[in-house]
């Protein structure tokens, strides 16, 4: 698969930091993820294969946030129905910096692109990591309705609501 540069109104603040958002999957993304999640004593090639298998096992759209040759964060939409939601959204930061504005801009750019390029209708859900207040705030700022301590949901076509909520809260 190819990697495509994503440009939308949410990527502007990222581009000012020389960060770029990409959609797609290739060996480079798999290699970088394997480097971040490497299991002790396991050859890197096995971890790369594990990530390639992860990608291939589901209908996924993957987004990468990068700066030069570095993968900083990854987000994905996976076809995993739950209740009246069709897709699961996941986002991971590999920098350890936990910059909420950067993560918000990246997540908003991924949601906007997914909304514009997917052929799916319905809702998106996410699993909330227990006790991770930064993720709770991120999903709230994106417009997710937090149902309980386990999951949150957003209507896929509700990005105009998300934009209004981001603008109101001083987001991207």
N, C-alpha and C. Protein backbone atom coordinates (compact mmCIF):
# COMPACT_ATOMS: atom_id res chain seq x y z
N UNK A 1 0.84 -1.18 0.00
CA UNK A 1 0.00 0.00 0.00
C UNK A 1 0.88 1.24 0.00
N UNK A 2 0.34 2.30 -0.50
CA UNK A 2 1.07 3.56 -0.56
C UNK A 2 0.73 4.45 0.62
N UNK A 3 1.61 5.39 0.85
CA UNK A 3 1.41 6.41 1.88
C UNK A 3 1.04 7.69 1.16
N UNK A 4 0.00 8.37 1.66
CA UNK A 4 -0.43 9.63 1.06
C UNK A 4 -0.37 10.74 2.10
N UNK A 5 0.16 11.87 1.71
CA UNK A 5 0.19 13.05 2.56
C UNK A 5 -1.22 13.59 2.70
N UNK A 6 -1.63 13.89 3.92
CA UNK A 6 -2.96 14.43 4.21
C UNK A 6 -2.84 15.92 4.47
N UNK A 7 -3.68 16.67 3.81
CA UNK A 7 -3.73 18.11 4.04
C UNK A 7 -5.19 18.50 4.22
N UNK A 8 -5.50 19.06 5.37
CA UNK A 8 -6.81 19.63 5.63
C UNK A 8 -6.64 20.74 6.67
N UNK A 9 -7.72 21.38 7.05
CA UNK A 9 -7.58 22.53 7.94
C UNK A 9 -6.94 22.17 9.28
N UNK A 10 -7.02 20.91 9.68
CA UNK A 10 -6.45 20.49 10.96
C UNK A 10 -4.94 20.26 10.88
N UNK A 11 -4.41 20.10 9.68
CA UNK A 11 -2.97 19.84 9.56
C UNK A 11 -2.14 21.13 9.56
N UNK A 12 -2.78 22.27 9.46
CA UNK A 12 -2.04 23.54 9.36
C UNK A 12 -1.15 23.79 10.58
N UNK A 13 -1.69 23.60 11.78
CA UNK A 13 -0.88 23.83 12.98
C UNK A 13 0.24 22.81 13.09
N UNK A 14 0.03 21.62 12.57
CA UNK A 14 1.07 20.59 12.58
C UNK A 14 2.18 20.94 11.59
N UNK A 15 1.79 21.40 10.41
CA UNK A 15 2.76 21.77 9.39
C UNK A 15 3.65 22.92 9.88
N UNK A 16 3.09 23.81 10.70
CA UNK A 16 3.89 24.91 11.26
C UNK A 16 5.00 24.37 12.17
N UNK A 17 4.81 23.15 12.71
CA UNK A 17 5.82 22.50 13.55
C UNK A 17 6.68 21.52 12.73
N UNK A 18 6.51 21.57 11.41
CA UNK A 18 7.20 20.67 10.48
C UNK A 18 6.79 19.22 10.70
N UNK A 19 5.53 19.02 11.11
CA UNK A 19 4.94 17.70 11.27
C UNK A 19 3.99 17.46 10.11
N UNK A 20 3.88 16.20 9.70
CA UNK A 20 3.01 15.86 8.58
C UNK A 20 2.17 14.64 8.93
N UNK A 21 0.96 14.60 8.38
CA UNK A 21 0.04 13.49 8.58
C UNK A 21 -0.03 12.69 7.28
N UNK A 22 0.08 11.38 7.41
CA UNK A 22 0.04 10.48 6.26
C UNK A 22 -1.03 9.43 6.48
N UNK A 23 -1.68 9.02 5.39
CA UNK A 23 -2.64 7.93 5.42
C UNK A 23 -2.05 6.77 4.63
N UNK A 24 -2.12 5.57 5.21
CA UNK A 24 -1.67 4.39 4.49
C UNK A 24 -0.75 3.52 5.31
N UNK A 25 -0.23 2.51 4.65
CA UNK A 25 0.61 1.51 5.32
C UNK A 25 1.72 1.11 4.38
N UNK A 26 2.91 0.96 4.93
CA UNK A 26 4.02 0.41 4.16
C UNK A 26 5.05 -0.16 5.12
N UNK A 27 6.13 -0.68 4.59
CA UNK A 27 7.15 -1.30 5.42
C UNK A 27 7.78 -0.29 6.39
N UNK A 28 7.91 0.96 5.96
CA UNK A 28 8.49 1.98 6.83
C UNK A 28 7.67 2.13 8.12
N UNK A 29 6.34 2.24 7.98
CA UNK A 29 5.48 2.40 9.15
C UNK A 29 5.59 1.16 10.04
N UNK A 30 5.54 -0.02 9.43
CA UNK A 30 5.65 -1.26 10.20
C UNK A 30 6.99 -1.34 10.93
N UNK A 31 8.06 -0.94 10.25
CA UNK A 31 9.40 -0.98 10.86
C UNK A 31 9.49 -0.02 12.05
N UNK A 32 8.95 1.19 11.90
CA UNK A 32 8.99 2.17 12.99
C UNK A 32 8.17 1.70 14.19
N UNK A 33 6.97 1.15 13.92
CA UNK A 33 6.15 0.64 15.01
C UNK A 33 6.83 -0.52 15.72
N UNK A 34 7.46 -1.39 14.94
CA UNK A 34 8.18 -2.52 15.53
C UNK A 34 9.31 -2.02 16.42
N UNK A 35 9.97 -0.96 16.01
CA UNK A 35 11.04 -0.39 16.83
C UNK A 35 10.54 0.15 18.16
N UNK A 36 9.33 0.74 18.16
CA UNK A 36 8.76 1.29 19.39
C UNK A 36 8.22 0.22 20.31
N UNK A 37 7.78 -0.88 19.74
CA UNK A 37 7.09 -1.90 20.54
C UNK A 37 7.88 -3.21 20.58
N UNK A 38 9.15 -3.12 20.36
CA UNK A 38 10.00 -4.31 20.25
C UNK A 38 9.97 -5.15 21.51
N UNK A 39 9.76 -6.43 21.32
CA UNK A 39 9.76 -7.37 22.44
C UNK A 39 11.19 -7.86 22.66
N UNK A 40 11.66 -7.87 23.91
CA UNK A 40 13.04 -8.30 24.19
C UNK A 40 13.31 -9.70 23.65
N UNK A 41 14.45 -9.85 23.01
CA UNK A 41 14.87 -11.15 22.50
C UNK A 41 14.20 -11.56 21.20
N UNK A 42 13.39 -10.70 20.64
CA UNK A 42 12.69 -11.02 19.39
C UNK A 42 13.38 -10.30 18.24
N UNK A 43 13.68 -11.00 17.16
CA UNK A 43 14.27 -10.31 16.00
C UNK A 43 13.31 -9.24 15.46
N UNK A 44 13.87 -8.14 15.04
CA UNK A 44 13.06 -7.04 14.52
C UNK A 44 12.14 -7.49 13.40
N UNK A 45 12.62 -8.42 12.55
CA UNK A 45 11.80 -8.88 11.44
C UNK A 45 10.51 -9.55 11.92
N UNK A 46 10.55 -10.25 13.04
CA UNK A 46 9.34 -10.87 13.58
C UNK A 46 8.35 -9.81 14.05
N UNK A 47 8.85 -8.74 14.67
CA UNK A 47 7.97 -7.67 15.12
C UNK A 47 7.37 -6.92 13.93
N UNK A 48 8.15 -6.75 12.86
CA UNK A 48 7.62 -6.11 11.64
C UNK A 48 6.50 -6.99 11.07
N UNK A 49 6.72 -8.29 11.01
CA UNK A 49 5.68 -9.20 10.52
C UNK A 49 4.44 -9.14 11.41
N UNK A 50 4.62 -9.01 12.71
CA UNK A 50 3.49 -8.92 13.64
C UNK A 50 2.66 -7.68 13.32
N UNK A 51 3.30 -6.54 13.03
CA UNK A 51 2.56 -5.32 12.69
C UNK A 51 1.90 -5.45 11.31
N UNK A 52 2.60 -6.08 10.36
CA UNK A 52 1.97 -6.30 9.05
C UNK A 52 0.74 -7.18 9.19
N UNK A 53 0.81 -8.21 10.05
CA UNK A 53 -0.35 -9.06 10.31
C UNK A 53 -1.48 -8.27 10.96
N UNK A 54 -1.14 -7.41 11.92
CA UNK A 54 -2.14 -6.56 12.57
C UNK A 54 -2.88 -5.73 11.53
N UNK A 55 -2.13 -5.15 10.62
CA UNK A 55 -2.74 -4.32 9.58
C UNK A 55 -3.64 -5.14 8.66
N UNK A 56 -3.17 -6.32 8.28
CA UNK A 56 -3.89 -7.14 7.30
C UNK A 56 -5.12 -7.84 7.88
N UNK A 57 -5.17 -8.01 9.19
CA UNK A 57 -6.24 -8.81 9.79
C UNK A 57 -7.57 -8.07 9.87
N UNK A 58 -7.63 -6.81 9.58
CA UNK A 58 -8.90 -6.08 9.69
C UNK A 58 -8.95 -5.01 8.61
N UNK A 59 -10.16 -4.55 8.36
CA UNK A 59 -10.36 -3.42 7.46
C UNK A 59 -9.94 -2.17 8.23
N UNK A 60 -8.71 -1.68 7.96
CA UNK A 60 -8.16 -0.57 8.72
C UNK A 60 -7.73 0.58 7.82
N UNK A 61 -7.88 1.77 8.35
CA UNK A 61 -7.29 2.96 7.76
C UNK A 61 -6.33 3.51 8.80
N UNK A 62 -5.07 3.63 8.43
CA UNK A 62 -4.02 4.02 9.37
C UNK A 62 -3.50 5.40 9.02
N UNK A 63 -3.27 6.20 10.06
CA UNK A 63 -2.69 7.54 9.92
C UNK A 63 -1.42 7.60 10.74
N UNK A 64 -0.40 8.23 10.18
CA UNK A 64 0.87 8.39 10.87
C UNK A 64 1.19 9.87 10.97
N UNK A 65 1.69 10.29 12.12
CA UNK A 65 2.18 11.64 12.32
C UNK A 65 3.69 11.55 12.34
N UNK A 66 4.33 12.25 11.42
CA UNK A 66 5.77 12.13 11.31
C UNK A 66 6.49 13.45 11.16
N UNK A 67 7.76 13.41 11.51
CA UNK A 67 8.66 14.55 11.33
C UNK A 67 9.95 13.97 10.78
N UNK A 68 10.25 14.35 9.55
CA UNK A 68 11.38 13.78 8.82
C UNK A 68 11.26 12.27 8.80
N UNK A 69 12.23 11.56 9.36
CA UNK A 69 12.20 10.10 9.32
C UNK A 69 11.65 9.49 10.61
N UNK A 70 10.98 10.29 11.42
CA UNK A 70 10.47 9.78 12.69
C UNK A 70 8.96 9.59 12.65
N UNK A 71 8.51 8.50 13.19
CA UNK A 71 7.08 8.26 13.41
C UNK A 71 6.80 8.69 14.84
N UNK A 72 5.97 9.71 15.01
CA UNK A 72 5.69 10.24 16.34
C UNK A 72 4.42 9.68 16.95
N UNK A 73 3.40 9.50 16.13
CA UNK A 73 2.12 9.00 16.61
C UNK A 73 1.44 8.22 15.50
N UNK A 74 0.53 7.35 15.90
CA UNK A 74 -0.25 6.60 14.93
C UNK A 74 -1.70 6.58 15.38
N UNK A 75 -2.61 6.69 14.42
CA UNK A 75 -4.04 6.58 14.68
C UNK A 75 -4.60 5.60 13.66
N UNK A 76 -5.67 4.92 14.05
CA UNK A 76 -6.29 3.99 13.11
C UNK A 76 -7.79 3.92 13.34
N UNK A 77 -8.48 3.64 12.25
CA UNK A 77 -9.91 3.34 12.25
C UNK A 77 -10.02 1.89 11.80
N UNK A 78 -10.60 1.04 12.64
CA UNK A 78 -10.74 -0.38 12.32
C UNK A 78 -12.21 -0.73 12.29
N UNK A 79 -12.61 -1.51 11.28
CA UNK A 79 -13.99 -1.96 11.21
C UNK A 79 -14.20 -3.00 12.30
N UNK A 80 -14.77 -2.54 13.41
CA UNK A 80 -15.05 -3.38 14.58
C UNK A 80 -16.36 -2.92 15.18
N UNK A 81 -17.47 -3.44 14.69
CA UNK A 81 -18.78 -3.00 15.19
C UNK A 81 -18.93 -3.20 16.71
N UNK A 82 -19.54 -2.22 17.34
CA UNK A 82 -19.89 -2.27 18.76
C UNK A 82 -21.16 -1.45 18.93
N UNK A 83 -22.24 -2.11 19.30
CA UNK A 83 -23.52 -1.40 19.41
C UNK A 83 -23.89 -0.81 18.07
N UNK A 84 -24.19 0.50 18.05
CA UNK A 84 -24.54 1.13 16.77
C UNK A 84 -23.35 1.84 16.14
N UNK A 85 -22.15 1.50 16.57
CA UNK A 85 -20.93 2.05 15.97
C UNK A 85 -20.30 0.98 15.07
N UNK A 86 -19.75 1.44 13.95
CA UNK A 86 -19.14 0.51 13.00
C UNK A 86 -17.62 0.45 13.12
N UNK A 87 -17.00 1.55 13.56
CA UNK A 87 -15.53 1.63 13.55
C UNK A 87 -14.99 1.97 14.93
N UNK A 88 -13.83 1.39 15.21
CA UNK A 88 -13.09 1.72 16.43
C UNK A 88 -11.95 2.66 16.04
N UNK A 89 -11.77 3.71 16.84
CA UNK A 89 -10.66 4.64 16.65
C UNK A 89 -9.65 4.41 17.76
N UNK A 90 -8.38 4.36 17.38
CA UNK A 90 -7.29 4.26 18.35
C UNK A 90 -6.23 5.28 17.99
N UNK A 91 -5.58 5.82 19.01
CA UNK A 91 -4.49 6.75 18.78
C UNK A 91 -3.40 6.49 19.82
N UNK A 92 -2.16 6.50 19.37
CA UNK A 92 -1.02 6.27 20.27
C UNK A 92 0.06 7.29 19.98
N UNK A 93 0.63 7.80 21.05
CA UNK A 93 1.73 8.77 20.97
C UNK A 93 3.02 8.04 21.35
N UNK A 94 4.01 8.08 20.47
CA UNK A 94 5.27 7.38 20.74
C UNK A 94 6.39 8.32 21.17
N UNK A 95 6.06 9.60 21.39
CA UNK A 95 7.10 10.55 21.77
C UNK A 95 7.28 10.65 23.28
N UNK A 96 6.23 10.33 24.02
CA UNK A 96 6.28 10.48 25.47
C UNK A 96 6.06 11.91 25.93
N UNK A 97 5.88 12.83 24.97
CA UNK A 97 5.70 14.23 25.32
C UNK A 97 4.27 14.55 25.73
N UNK A 98 3.31 13.78 25.22
CA UNK A 98 1.91 13.96 25.56
C UNK A 98 1.45 15.40 25.37
N UNK A 99 1.75 15.97 24.21
CA UNK A 99 1.34 17.34 23.89
C UNK A 99 -0.12 17.32 23.45
N UNK A 100 -1.04 17.82 24.29
CA UNK A 100 -2.46 17.70 23.98
C UNK A 100 -2.88 18.43 22.71
N UNK A 101 -2.29 19.57 22.40
CA UNK A 101 -2.68 20.30 21.19
C UNK A 101 -2.23 19.58 19.93
N UNK A 102 -1.04 18.99 19.95
CA UNK A 102 -0.55 18.23 18.80
C UNK A 102 -1.40 16.98 18.60
N UNK A 103 -1.69 16.28 19.68
CA UNK A 103 -2.51 15.08 19.56
C UNK A 103 -3.92 15.42 19.08
N UNK A 104 -4.47 16.54 19.55
CA UNK A 104 -5.79 16.96 19.12
C UNK A 104 -5.80 17.28 17.62
N UNK A 105 -4.80 18.02 17.17
CA UNK A 105 -4.72 18.37 15.75
C UNK A 105 -4.56 17.12 14.89
N UNK A 106 -3.72 16.18 15.34
CA UNK A 106 -3.51 14.94 14.60
C UNK A 106 -4.81 14.12 14.55
N UNK A 107 -5.47 13.96 15.70
CA UNK A 107 -6.71 13.18 15.75
C UNK A 107 -7.80 13.85 14.90
N UNK A 108 -7.90 15.17 14.98
CA UNK A 108 -8.92 15.88 14.19
C UNK A 108 -8.63 15.75 12.69
N UNK A 109 -7.36 15.82 12.30
CA UNK A 109 -6.99 15.65 10.89
C UNK A 109 -7.35 14.24 10.41
N UNK A 110 -7.08 13.23 11.24
CA UNK A 110 -7.41 11.85 10.87
C UNK A 110 -8.92 11.67 10.75
N UNK A 111 -9.68 12.19 11.72
CA UNK A 111 -11.14 12.07 11.66
C UNK A 111 -11.69 12.76 10.42
N UNK A 112 -11.20 13.95 10.13
CA UNK A 112 -11.69 14.70 8.97
C UNK A 112 -11.40 13.95 7.68
N UNK A 113 -10.18 13.44 7.55
CA UNK A 113 -9.82 12.70 6.34
C UNK A 113 -10.63 11.42 6.23
N UNK A 114 -10.79 10.70 7.33
CA UNK A 114 -11.56 9.46 7.30
C UNK A 114 -13.01 9.75 6.90
N UNK A 115 -13.57 10.81 7.43
CA UNK A 115 -14.94 11.20 7.10
C UNK A 115 -15.07 11.53 5.62
N UNK A 116 -14.06 12.18 5.05
CA UNK A 116 -14.10 12.59 3.65
C UNK A 116 -13.79 11.46 2.67
N UNK A 117 -13.01 10.46 3.08
CA UNK A 117 -12.55 9.44 2.15
C UNK A 117 -13.11 8.05 2.37
N UNK A 118 -13.83 7.85 3.44
CA UNK A 118 -14.38 6.51 3.67
C UNK A 118 -15.74 6.37 3.00
N UNK A 119 -16.16 5.16 2.80
CA UNK A 119 -17.45 4.89 2.19
C UNK A 119 -18.42 4.35 3.24
N UNK A 120 -18.16 4.68 4.49
CA UNK A 120 -18.94 4.12 5.57
C UNK A 120 -19.78 5.20 6.24
N UNK A 121 -20.90 4.76 6.76
CA UNK A 121 -21.75 5.64 7.53
C UNK A 121 -21.94 5.01 8.90
N UNK A 122 -22.23 5.82 9.87
CA UNK A 122 -22.46 5.28 11.20
C UNK A 122 -21.64 6.00 12.23
N UNK A 123 -21.40 5.32 13.32
CA UNK A 123 -20.68 5.90 14.44
C UNK A 123 -19.29 5.31 14.58
N UNK A 124 -18.49 5.99 15.37
CA UNK A 124 -17.14 5.53 15.70
C UNK A 124 -17.07 5.41 17.22
N UNK A 125 -16.43 4.37 17.70
CA UNK A 125 -16.25 4.22 19.14
C UNK A 125 -14.77 4.11 19.44
N UNK A 126 -14.42 4.30 20.68
CA UNK A 126 -13.04 4.13 21.11
C UNK A 126 -13.04 3.53 22.51
N UNK A 127 -12.01 2.81 22.80
CA UNK A 127 -11.82 2.26 24.14
C UNK A 127 -11.02 3.28 24.94
N UNK A 128 -11.53 3.61 26.10
CA UNK A 128 -10.84 4.59 26.95
C UNK A 128 -9.88 3.86 27.89
N UNK A 129 -8.60 4.22 27.83
CA UNK A 129 -7.65 3.60 28.75
C UNK A 129 -7.96 4.02 30.19
N UNK A 130 -8.02 3.05 31.07
CA UNK A 130 -8.38 3.33 32.46
C UNK A 130 -7.43 4.35 33.09
N UNK A 131 -8.01 5.41 33.61
CA UNK A 131 -7.24 6.42 34.34
C UNK A 131 -6.43 7.37 33.48
N UNK A 132 -6.51 7.28 32.16
CA UNK A 132 -5.73 8.15 31.28
C UNK A 132 -6.52 9.43 31.01
N UNK A 133 -6.36 10.41 31.89
CA UNK A 133 -7.13 11.64 31.80
C UNK A 133 -6.84 12.43 30.53
N UNK A 134 -5.62 12.36 30.02
CA UNK A 134 -5.31 13.09 28.78
C UNK A 134 -6.12 12.53 27.61
N UNK A 135 -6.32 11.21 27.56
CA UNK A 135 -7.15 10.62 26.50
C UNK A 135 -8.62 11.00 26.69
N UNK A 136 -9.09 11.02 27.93
CA UNK A 136 -10.47 11.44 28.19
C UNK A 136 -10.68 12.86 27.67
N UNK A 137 -9.74 13.75 27.98
CA UNK A 137 -9.86 15.15 27.52
C UNK A 137 -9.78 15.22 25.99
N UNK A 138 -8.89 14.44 25.39
CA UNK A 138 -8.76 14.43 23.93
C UNK A 138 -10.08 14.03 23.28
N UNK A 139 -10.66 12.92 23.73
CA UNK A 139 -11.90 12.45 23.13
C UNK A 139 -13.05 13.42 23.39
N UNK A 140 -13.07 14.03 24.55
CA UNK A 140 -14.10 15.03 24.83
C UNK A 140 -13.96 16.22 23.89
N UNK A 141 -12.74 16.69 23.69
CA UNK A 141 -12.51 17.83 22.79
C UNK A 141 -12.83 17.49 21.34
N UNK A 142 -12.70 16.21 20.98
CA UNK A 142 -13.04 15.78 19.62
C UNK A 142 -14.55 15.67 19.41
N UNK A 143 -15.30 15.66 20.50
CA UNK A 143 -16.75 15.56 20.38
C UNK A 143 -17.30 14.19 20.70
N UNK A 144 -16.48 13.29 21.20
CA UNK A 144 -16.96 11.98 21.59
C UNK A 144 -17.87 12.12 22.80
N UNK A 145 -18.93 11.32 22.81
CA UNK A 145 -19.84 11.25 23.95
C UNK A 145 -19.34 10.11 24.83
N UNK A 146 -18.83 10.43 26.00
CA UNK A 146 -18.26 9.42 26.88
C UNK A 146 -19.41 8.72 27.60
N UNK A 147 -19.62 7.44 27.22
CA UNK A 147 -20.74 6.67 27.77
C UNK A 147 -20.44 6.13 29.16
N UNK A 148 -19.25 5.68 29.36
CA UNK A 148 -18.84 5.11 30.64
C UNK A 148 -17.32 5.14 30.69
N UNK A 149 -16.74 4.47 31.64
CA UNK A 149 -15.28 4.49 31.76
C UNK A 149 -14.59 3.61 30.73
N UNK A 150 -15.36 2.92 29.89
CA UNK A 150 -14.77 1.99 28.94
C UNK A 150 -14.81 2.51 27.52
N UNK A 151 -15.90 3.17 27.12
CA UNK A 151 -16.00 3.55 25.73
C UNK A 151 -16.63 4.92 25.55
N UNK A 152 -16.38 5.47 24.38
CA UNK A 152 -16.94 6.76 23.98
C UNK A 152 -17.34 6.62 22.52
N UNK A 153 -18.25 7.47 22.07
CA UNK A 153 -18.74 7.33 20.71
C UNK A 153 -18.93 8.70 20.06
N UNK A 154 -18.73 8.75 18.76
CA UNK A 154 -18.97 9.97 17.98
C UNK A 154 -19.67 9.56 16.69
N UNK A 155 -20.57 10.38 16.22
CA UNK A 155 -21.23 10.11 14.94
C UNK A 155 -20.26 10.51 13.84
N UNK A 156 -20.03 9.63 12.89
CA UNK A 156 -19.05 9.86 11.83
C UNK A 156 -19.32 11.15 11.07
N UNK A 157 -20.55 11.43 10.75
CA UNK A 157 -20.86 12.63 9.98
C UNK A 157 -20.97 13.88 10.83
N UNK A 158 -20.55 13.82 12.08
CA UNK A 158 -20.75 14.95 12.98
C UNK A 158 -19.53 15.84 13.10
N UNK A 159 -18.69 15.87 12.08
CA UNK A 159 -17.48 16.68 12.19
C UNK A 159 -17.78 18.17 12.23
N UNK A 160 -18.94 18.59 11.74
CA UNK A 160 -19.28 20.00 11.90
C UNK A 160 -19.50 20.30 13.37
N UNK A 161 -20.09 19.34 14.11
CA UNK A 161 -20.23 19.49 15.56
C UNK A 161 -18.85 19.52 16.20
N UNK A 162 -17.96 18.60 15.77
CA UNK A 162 -16.62 18.55 16.31
C UNK A 162 -15.89 19.86 16.06
N UNK A 163 -16.02 20.42 14.86
CA UNK A 163 -15.37 21.69 14.53
C UNK A 163 -15.87 22.79 15.45
N UNK A 164 -17.18 22.85 15.67
CA UNK A 164 -17.74 23.88 16.55
C UNK A 164 -17.22 23.70 17.97
N UNK A 165 -17.14 22.46 18.42
CA UNK A 165 -16.67 22.19 19.78
C UNK A 165 -15.19 22.55 19.91
N UNK A 166 -14.39 22.22 18.89
CA UNK A 166 -12.97 22.57 18.91
C UNK A 166 -12.78 24.08 18.92
N UNK A 167 -13.53 24.78 18.06
CA UNK A 167 -13.43 26.23 18.00
C UNK A 167 -13.84 26.85 19.34
N UNK A 168 -14.89 26.33 19.94
CA UNK A 168 -15.39 26.86 21.22
C UNK A 168 -14.36 26.65 22.33
N UNK A 169 -13.63 25.53 22.30
CA UNK A 169 -12.67 25.22 23.35
C UNK A 169 -11.27 25.72 23.00
N UNK A 170 -11.14 26.45 21.91
CA UNK A 170 -9.83 26.98 21.53
C UNK A 170 -8.93 25.94 20.92
N UNK A 171 -9.53 24.93 20.29
CA UNK A 171 -8.74 23.86 19.67
C UNK A 171 -8.31 24.25 18.28
N UNK A 172 -7.95 23.23 17.51
CA UNK A 172 -7.48 23.45 16.16
C UNK A 172 -8.59 23.79 15.21
